[in-house]
N, C-alpha and C. Protein backbone atom coordinates (compact mmCIF):
# COMPACT_ATOMS: atom_id res chain seq x y z
N UNK A 1 0.74 -1.10 -0.18
CA UNK A 1 -0.01 -0.24 -0.33
C UNK A 1 0.76 1.25 0.21
N UNK A 2 0.32 2.28 -0.47
CA UNK A 2 1.20 3.64 -0.70
C UNK A 2 0.42 4.80 0.39
N UNK A 3 2.07 4.94 1.12
CA UNK A 3 1.99 6.40 2.33
C UNK A 3 2.04 7.78 1.90
N UNK A 4 1.25 8.07 2.28
CA UNK A 4 1.06 10.23 1.51
C UNK A 4 1.49 10.69 3.18
N UNK A 5 2.30 11.95 3.03
CA UNK A 5 2.85 12.49 3.50
C UNK A 5 2.65 14.24 2.86
N UNK A 6 1.80 15.05 3.34
CA UNK A 6 1.65 16.40 3.07
C UNK A 6 2.95 17.64 3.24
N UNK A 7 2.42 18.40 2.57
CA UNK A 7 3.35 19.61 3.74
C UNK A 7 3.60 20.42 2.75
N UNK A 8 3.68 21.83 3.10
CA UNK A 8 3.10 23.35 2.11
C UNK A 8 2.68 24.00 2.56
N UNK A 9 1.90 23.50 3.65
CA UNK A 9 0.90 24.31 4.71
C UNK A 9 1.41 25.67 4.97
N UNK A 10 0.53 26.63 5.43
CA UNK A 10 1.17 27.71 6.83
C UNK A 10 0.26 28.49 6.48
N UNK A 11 0.37 29.81 6.41
CA UNK A 11 -0.42 30.89 7.09
C UNK A 11 -0.26 32.20 6.39
N UNK A 12 -0.81 32.82 5.52
CA UNK A 12 -0.89 33.68 3.91
C UNK A 12 -1.61 34.53 4.33
N UNK A 13 -1.67 35.30 3.56
CA UNK A 13 -2.48 36.92 3.68
C UNK A 13 -3.83 36.53 2.00
N UNK A 14 -4.63 36.69 2.52
CA UNK A 14 -5.42 36.84 1.19
C UNK A 14 -5.33 37.89 -0.17
N UNK A 15 -5.24 36.66 -1.17
CA UNK A 15 -4.88 37.02 -2.23
C UNK A 15 -3.47 36.19 -2.40
N UNK A 16 -3.12 36.20 -1.49
CA UNK A 16 -1.57 35.05 -1.78
C UNK A 16 -2.02 33.64 -2.24
N UNK A 17 -1.01 32.88 -2.18
CA UNK A 17 -0.73 31.81 -2.85
C UNK A 17 -0.18 30.84 -2.00
N UNK A 18 0.20 29.55 -1.72
CA UNK A 18 0.57 28.59 -1.50
C UNK A 18 0.22 26.95 -2.38
N UNK A 19 1.93 26.43 -2.29
CA UNK A 19 1.88 24.83 -3.07
C UNK A 19 1.78 24.03 -1.94
N UNK A 20 0.98 23.05 -1.73
CA UNK A 20 1.40 22.02 -1.59
C UNK A 20 1.67 20.77 -2.01
N UNK A 21 2.46 20.31 -1.47
CA UNK A 21 3.21 18.82 -2.06
C UNK A 21 2.45 17.50 -1.44
N UNK A 22 2.68 16.60 -1.63
CA UNK A 22 2.52 15.68 -1.35
C UNK A 22 3.39 13.96 -1.74
N UNK A 23 4.18 13.64 -0.70
CA UNK A 23 5.11 12.92 -0.84
C UNK A 23 4.36 11.13 -1.16
N UNK A 24 4.80 11.07 -1.82
CA UNK A 24 4.28 8.74 -1.36
C UNK A 24 5.19 8.43 -1.64
N UNK A 25 5.14 7.17 -0.63
CA UNK A 25 6.50 6.23 -0.38
C UNK A 25 5.24 4.75 -0.49
N UNK A 26 6.43 3.32 -0.57
CA UNK A 26 5.57 2.30 -0.40
C UNK A 26 4.99 1.56 -1.45
N UNK A 27 4.58 2.36 -2.71
CA UNK A 27 4.02 2.21 -3.68
C UNK A 27 4.10 3.13 -4.50
N UNK A 28 4.29 2.83 -6.04
CA UNK A 28 4.14 3.43 -7.04
C UNK A 28 3.08 4.43 -6.81
N UNK A 29 3.01 5.72 -6.92
CA UNK A 29 2.10 6.46 -6.85
C UNK A 29 0.69 6.73 -8.84
N UNK A 30 2.01 5.81 -9.58
CA UNK A 30 1.56 6.48 -10.66
C UNK A 30 0.54 5.20 -10.49
N UNK A 31 -0.08 4.18 -9.73
CA UNK A 31 -0.26 3.33 -10.19
C UNK A 31 -1.96 3.71 -9.66
N UNK A 32 -2.21 4.81 -9.02
CA UNK A 32 -2.89 5.40 -8.30
C UNK A 32 -3.97 7.03 -9.11
N UNK A 33 -4.87 6.83 -9.26
CA UNK A 33 -5.68 7.93 -9.10
C UNK A 33 -5.64 8.85 -8.19
N UNK A 34 -5.44 9.60 -7.63
CA UNK A 34 -4.80 10.83 -6.38
C UNK A 34 -5.68 12.48 -6.39
N UNK A 35 -6.19 12.88 -5.16
CA UNK A 35 -7.04 13.88 -4.85
C UNK A 35 -6.70 14.55 -3.87
N UNK A 36 -6.94 15.50 -3.70
CA UNK A 36 -7.28 16.58 -3.23
C UNK A 36 -8.25 16.89 -2.02
N UNK A 37 -8.98 16.76 -0.72
CA UNK A 37 -9.73 16.72 0.35
C UNK A 37 -9.65 18.52 0.98
N UNK A 38 -10.14 19.25 2.09
CA UNK A 38 -9.79 19.59 2.67
C UNK A 38 -11.31 19.70 3.83
N UNK A 39 -10.49 19.96 4.79
CA UNK A 39 -11.62 19.85 6.03
C UNK A 39 -11.55 21.37 6.69
N UNK A 40 -12.61 22.43 6.56
CA UNK A 40 -12.39 23.93 7.08
C UNK A 40 -13.09 23.26 8.62
N UNK A 41 -12.46 24.34 9.70
CA UNK A 41 -13.04 23.93 10.70
C UNK A 41 -14.53 24.28 11.11
N UNK A 42 -14.85 23.13 11.85
CA UNK A 42 -16.37 22.94 11.85
C UNK A 42 -16.83 22.34 10.67
N UNK A 43 -16.58 22.03 10.18
CA UNK A 43 -17.05 21.53 8.65
C UNK A 43 -16.72 20.11 8.42
N UNK A 44 -17.63 19.56 7.69
CA UNK A 44 -17.10 17.78 7.53
C UNK A 44 -16.53 18.38 6.16
N UNK A 45 -15.67 17.14 5.50
CA UNK A 45 -14.38 17.19 4.57
C UNK A 45 -15.11 17.42 3.23
N UNK A 46 -14.45 18.17 2.33
CA UNK A 46 -15.01 18.65 1.47
C UNK A 46 -13.83 18.33 0.20
N UNK A 47 -14.01 17.56 -1.16
CA UNK A 47 -13.31 17.42 -2.42
C UNK A 47 -12.75 18.86 -3.13
N UNK A 48 -11.42 18.64 -2.97
CA UNK A 48 -10.85 19.40 -3.78
C UNK A 48 -10.52 19.74 -5.44
N UNK A 49 -10.31 18.46 -5.85
CA UNK A 49 -9.59 18.20 -6.91
C UNK A 49 -9.30 16.71 -6.64
N UNK A 50 -8.92 16.66 -8.15
CA UNK A 50 -8.58 14.73 -8.50
C UNK A 50 -7.55 14.92 -9.82
N UNK A 51 -6.67 13.61 -10.05
CA UNK A 51 -6.74 14.12 -11.44
C UNK A 51 -6.30 12.48 -11.39
N UNK A 52 -6.13 11.57 -12.80
CA UNK A 52 -5.71 10.49 -12.98
C UNK A 52 -4.42 10.27 -12.79
N UNK A 53 -4.61 8.48 -13.23
CA UNK A 53 -3.45 8.20 -13.29
C UNK A 53 -1.70 8.99 -13.96
N UNK A 54 -1.90 9.08 -15.26
CA UNK A 54 -1.01 9.79 -16.88
C UNK A 54 -1.27 11.45 -15.91
N UNK A 55 -1.95 11.93 -15.55
CA UNK A 55 -2.45 13.44 -15.41
C UNK A 55 -2.88 13.86 -16.11
N UNK A 56 -3.41 13.50 -17.19
CA UNK A 56 -4.28 14.11 -18.29
C UNK A 56 -5.29 14.32 -17.90
N UNK A 57 -6.47 14.08 -16.78
CA UNK A 57 -7.52 14.21 -16.66
C UNK A 57 -7.51 14.89 -15.04
N UNK A 58 -8.16 16.02 -15.05
CA UNK A 58 -8.28 16.78 -14.25
C UNK A 58 -9.30 17.15 -13.82
N UNK A 59 -10.36 17.25 -12.38
CA UNK A 59 -11.74 17.60 -12.22
C UNK A 59 -11.40 18.32 -10.49
N UNK A 60 -11.81 19.12 -10.58
CA UNK A 60 -12.37 20.44 -9.75
C UNK A 60 -13.63 20.67 -8.96
N UNK A 61 -13.42 21.36 -7.64
CA UNK A 61 -14.69 21.71 -7.72
C UNK A 61 -15.03 22.69 -7.98
N UNK A 62 -16.03 23.30 -8.19
CA UNK A 62 -16.41 24.28 -7.96
C UNK A 62 -15.69 25.74 -8.10
N UNK A 63 -15.88 25.77 -6.68
CA UNK A 63 -15.38 26.39 -6.09
C UNK A 63 -13.73 27.27 -5.89
N UNK A 64 -13.11 25.86 -6.25
CA UNK A 64 -11.88 26.26 -6.60
C UNK A 64 -11.24 26.06 -8.22
N UNK A 65 -12.27 25.60 -9.58
CA UNK A 65 -12.12 25.57 -10.68
C UNK A 65 -11.43 27.49 -10.87
N UNK A 66 -9.90 27.49 -11.64
CA UNK A 66 -9.29 28.53 -12.16
C UNK A 66 -8.63 29.24 -11.07
N UNK A 67 -8.30 29.10 -9.74
CA UNK A 67 -8.13 29.12 -8.65
C UNK A 67 -7.06 28.51 -8.41
N UNK A 68 -7.04 26.97 -8.73
CA UNK A 68 -6.65 26.06 -7.84
C UNK A 68 -5.85 24.97 -8.56
N UNK A 69 -4.74 24.78 -8.67
CA UNK A 69 -4.12 23.24 -9.97
C UNK A 69 -3.34 22.34 -9.16
N UNK A 70 -4.41 21.04 -9.48
CA UNK A 70 -3.78 20.08 -9.15
C UNK A 70 -2.54 19.33 -10.37
N UNK A 71 -1.13 18.82 -10.06
CA UNK A 71 -0.29 18.16 -11.05
C UNK A 71 0.21 17.10 -10.36
N UNK A 72 0.84 16.25 -10.84
CA UNK A 72 1.66 15.32 -10.25
C UNK A 72 2.78 15.14 -10.97
N UNK A 73 3.72 14.18 -10.66
CA UNK A 73 5.57 14.46 -11.20
C UNK A 73 5.12 12.41 -10.52
N UNK A 74 4.80 11.70 -11.65
CA UNK A 74 5.28 10.23 -11.00
C UNK A 74 6.83 10.07 -11.53
N UNK A 75 7.50 10.34 -12.03
CA UNK A 75 8.88 9.96 -11.46
C UNK A 75 9.14 10.67 -9.98
N UNK A 76 8.67 11.39 -9.61
CA UNK A 76 9.43 11.70 -8.11
C UNK A 76 8.32 11.67 -7.11
N UNK A 77 7.25 10.22 -7.85
CA UNK A 77 6.03 9.65 -6.55
C UNK A 77 5.36 11.04 -5.77
N UNK A 78 5.33 11.85 -6.63
CA UNK A 78 4.83 13.17 -5.59
C UNK A 78 3.41 13.62 -6.33
N UNK A 79 2.48 14.08 -5.74
CA UNK A 79 1.60 15.64 -6.27
C UNK A 79 1.45 16.78 -5.27
N UNK A 80 0.87 17.54 -6.38
CA UNK A 80 0.78 18.54 -6.53
C UNK A 80 -0.67 19.61 -6.40
N UNK A 81 -0.77 20.71 -4.93
CA UNK A 81 -1.72 21.63 -5.46
C UNK A 81 -1.18 23.21 -5.53
N UNK A 82 -1.49 23.76 -6.52
CA UNK A 82 -1.46 25.04 -6.45
C UNK A 82 -2.44 25.87 -6.38
N UNK A 83 -2.21 26.76 -5.46
CA UNK A 83 -3.36 27.37 -4.85
C UNK A 83 -3.15 29.08 -5.19
N UNK A 84 -3.59 29.55 -5.76
CA UNK A 84 -3.80 31.18 -5.76
C UNK A 84 -4.92 31.78 -5.32
N UNK A 85 -5.10 33.05 -5.47
CA UNK A 85 -6.31 34.13 -5.40
C UNK A 85 -6.20 33.42 -3.90
N UNK A 86 -5.89 33.25 -2.91
CA UNK A 86 -6.40 32.25 -1.60
C UNK A 86 -7.32 33.64 -0.88
N UNK A 87 -8.49 33.00 -0.37
CA UNK A 87 -9.23 33.44 0.71
C UNK A 87 -9.55 32.97 2.22
N UNK A 88 -10.41 33.98 2.60
CA UNK A 88 -10.29 33.38 4.37
C UNK A 88 -11.24 31.51 4.42
N UNK A 89 -12.00 31.91 3.46
CA UNK A 89 -13.21 30.29 3.03
C UNK A 89 -12.14 29.43 3.10
N UNK A 90 -10.97 29.67 2.51
CA UNK A 90 -10.04 28.33 2.16
C UNK A 90 -9.36 28.09 3.20
N UNK A 91 -9.22 28.51 4.56
CA UNK A 91 -8.35 27.87 5.52
C UNK A 91 -9.15 26.71 6.04
N UNK A 92 -8.43 25.72 5.81
CA UNK A 92 -8.53 24.30 6.54
C UNK A 92 -7.65 23.88 6.47
N UNK A 93 -7.53 22.33 6.90
CA UNK A 93 -6.59 21.50 6.69
C UNK A 93 -6.63 20.49 5.71
N UNK A 94 -6.05 20.34 4.88
CA UNK A 94 -5.72 19.57 3.57
C UNK A 94 -4.88 18.47 3.26
N UNK A 95 -5.66 17.72 2.94
CA UNK A 95 -5.61 16.34 2.42
C UNK A 95 -5.02 15.83 1.42
N UNK A 96 -4.05 14.81 1.37
CA UNK A 96 -4.46 14.27 -0.27
C UNK A 96 -4.64 12.67 -0.08
N UNK A 97 -4.95 12.25 -0.82
CA UNK A 97 -5.64 10.87 -1.04
C UNK A 97 -5.71 9.77 -1.77
N UNK A 98 -5.38 9.01 -1.83
CA UNK A 98 -5.11 8.17 -3.11
C UNK A 98 -5.61 6.75 -3.39
N UNK A 99 -6.40 6.62 -4.42
CA UNK A 99 -7.76 5.05 -4.94
C UNK A 99 -6.88 5.03 -6.55
N UNK A 100 -7.68 3.66 -5.78
CA UNK A 100 -6.81 2.71 -7.11
C UNK A 100 -8.19 2.20 -7.93
N UNK A 101 -9.51 3.23 -7.78
CA UNK A 101 -10.31 2.89 -8.23
C UNK A 101 -10.02 4.84 -9.44
N UNK A 102 -10.95 4.85 -10.29
CA UNK A 102 -10.70 6.09 -10.69
C UNK A 102 -10.75 7.19 -10.54
N UNK A 103 -10.84 8.42 -11.21
CA UNK A 103 -10.89 9.29 -10.82
C UNK A 103 -12.15 10.01 -9.61
N UNK A 104 -12.40 10.65 -8.53
CA UNK A 104 -13.91 10.93 -7.65
C UNK A 104 -13.68 11.60 -6.94
N UNK A 105 -14.96 12.46 -6.97
CA UNK A 105 -14.33 13.44 -6.04
C UNK A 105 -16.14 12.71 -4.44
N UNK A 106 -15.28 11.74 -4.55
CA UNK A 106 -16.41 11.02 -2.83
C UNK A 106 -15.03 11.02 -1.96
N UNK A 107 -15.17 10.87 -0.85
CA UNK A 107 -14.04 11.03 -0.19
C UNK A 107 -14.24 9.69 0.28
N UNK A 108 -14.84 8.89 0.22
CA UNK A 108 -15.36 7.09 -0.10
C UNK A 108 -14.61 6.50 -0.28
N UNK A 109 -13.83 6.86 -1.82
CA UNK A 109 -13.51 6.05 -2.79
C UNK A 109 -11.99 6.46 -2.45
N UNK A 110 -11.70 6.74 -1.42
CA UNK A 110 -9.87 6.71 -1.39
C UNK A 110 -9.67 6.03 -0.11
N UNK A 111 -9.22 5.18 -0.50
CA UNK A 111 -8.72 4.22 0.66
C UNK A 111 -7.27 4.83 1.69
N UNK A 112 -6.65 5.71 1.00
CA UNK A 112 -5.28 5.84 1.43
C UNK A 112 -4.88 7.47 1.22
N UNK A 113 -5.05 8.02 2.54
CA UNK A 113 -4.69 9.95 2.65
C UNK A 113 -3.11 9.70 3.96
N UNK A 114 -3.33 10.93 3.30
CA UNK A 114 -2.44 11.47 4.01
C UNK A 114 -2.69 12.22 5.83
N UNK A 115 -1.74 13.04 6.79
CA UNK A 115 -2.18 13.65 8.17
C UNK A 115 -2.55 14.92 7.98
N UNK A 116 -2.08 14.92 6.58
CA UNK A 116 -3.15 16.79 6.86
C UNK A 116 -1.72 17.71 6.67
N UNK A 117 -2.24 18.93 6.16
CA UNK A 117 -1.44 19.77 6.10
C UNK A 117 -2.08 21.42 6.43
N UNK A 118 -2.07 22.38 8.02
CA UNK A 118 -2.90 23.26 8.08
C UNK A 118 -2.30 24.13 6.70
N UNK A 119 -3.63 25.09 6.50
CA UNK A 119 -3.74 26.05 5.26
C UNK A 119 -4.61 26.95 6.07
N UNK A 120 -4.04 28.04 6.66
CA UNK A 120 -4.49 29.66 7.37
C UNK A 120 -4.21 30.95 6.59
N UNK A 121 -5.61 31.15 5.93
CA UNK A 121 -5.68 32.59 4.86
C UNK A 121 -6.05 33.45 5.93
N UNK A 122 -5.24 34.64 6.02
CA UNK A 122 -5.65 35.69 6.94
C UNK A 122 -6.11 36.72 5.99
N UNK A 123 -7.30 37.39 6.32
CA UNK A 123 -7.98 38.37 5.99
C UNK A 123 -7.34 40.15 6.23
């Protein structure tokens, strides 16, 4: 199975950018579809973006479309989330996840999760 570790979270001002990384170990990440989810304070976990095994297909939650970009580097066994034009509503713990199924916006479809990285956007 694959182990995932996120990094790159932190405190940023509204309008700023952050790039999250997710490093995989244990198994080759290229055998999984992967995604990003987030959990805002006091709310349920929600879908952010997903990308297929080759990186050729990407899907985003409506509120992230155009601001966030998901990518992966299978040679480095890693995936990324570039977040631009951040606003306070983007404050959340961000998780990367992997699934042996296809791309999905459903968290239940993902069997492997990182521990999460905190992103805080100040106004």
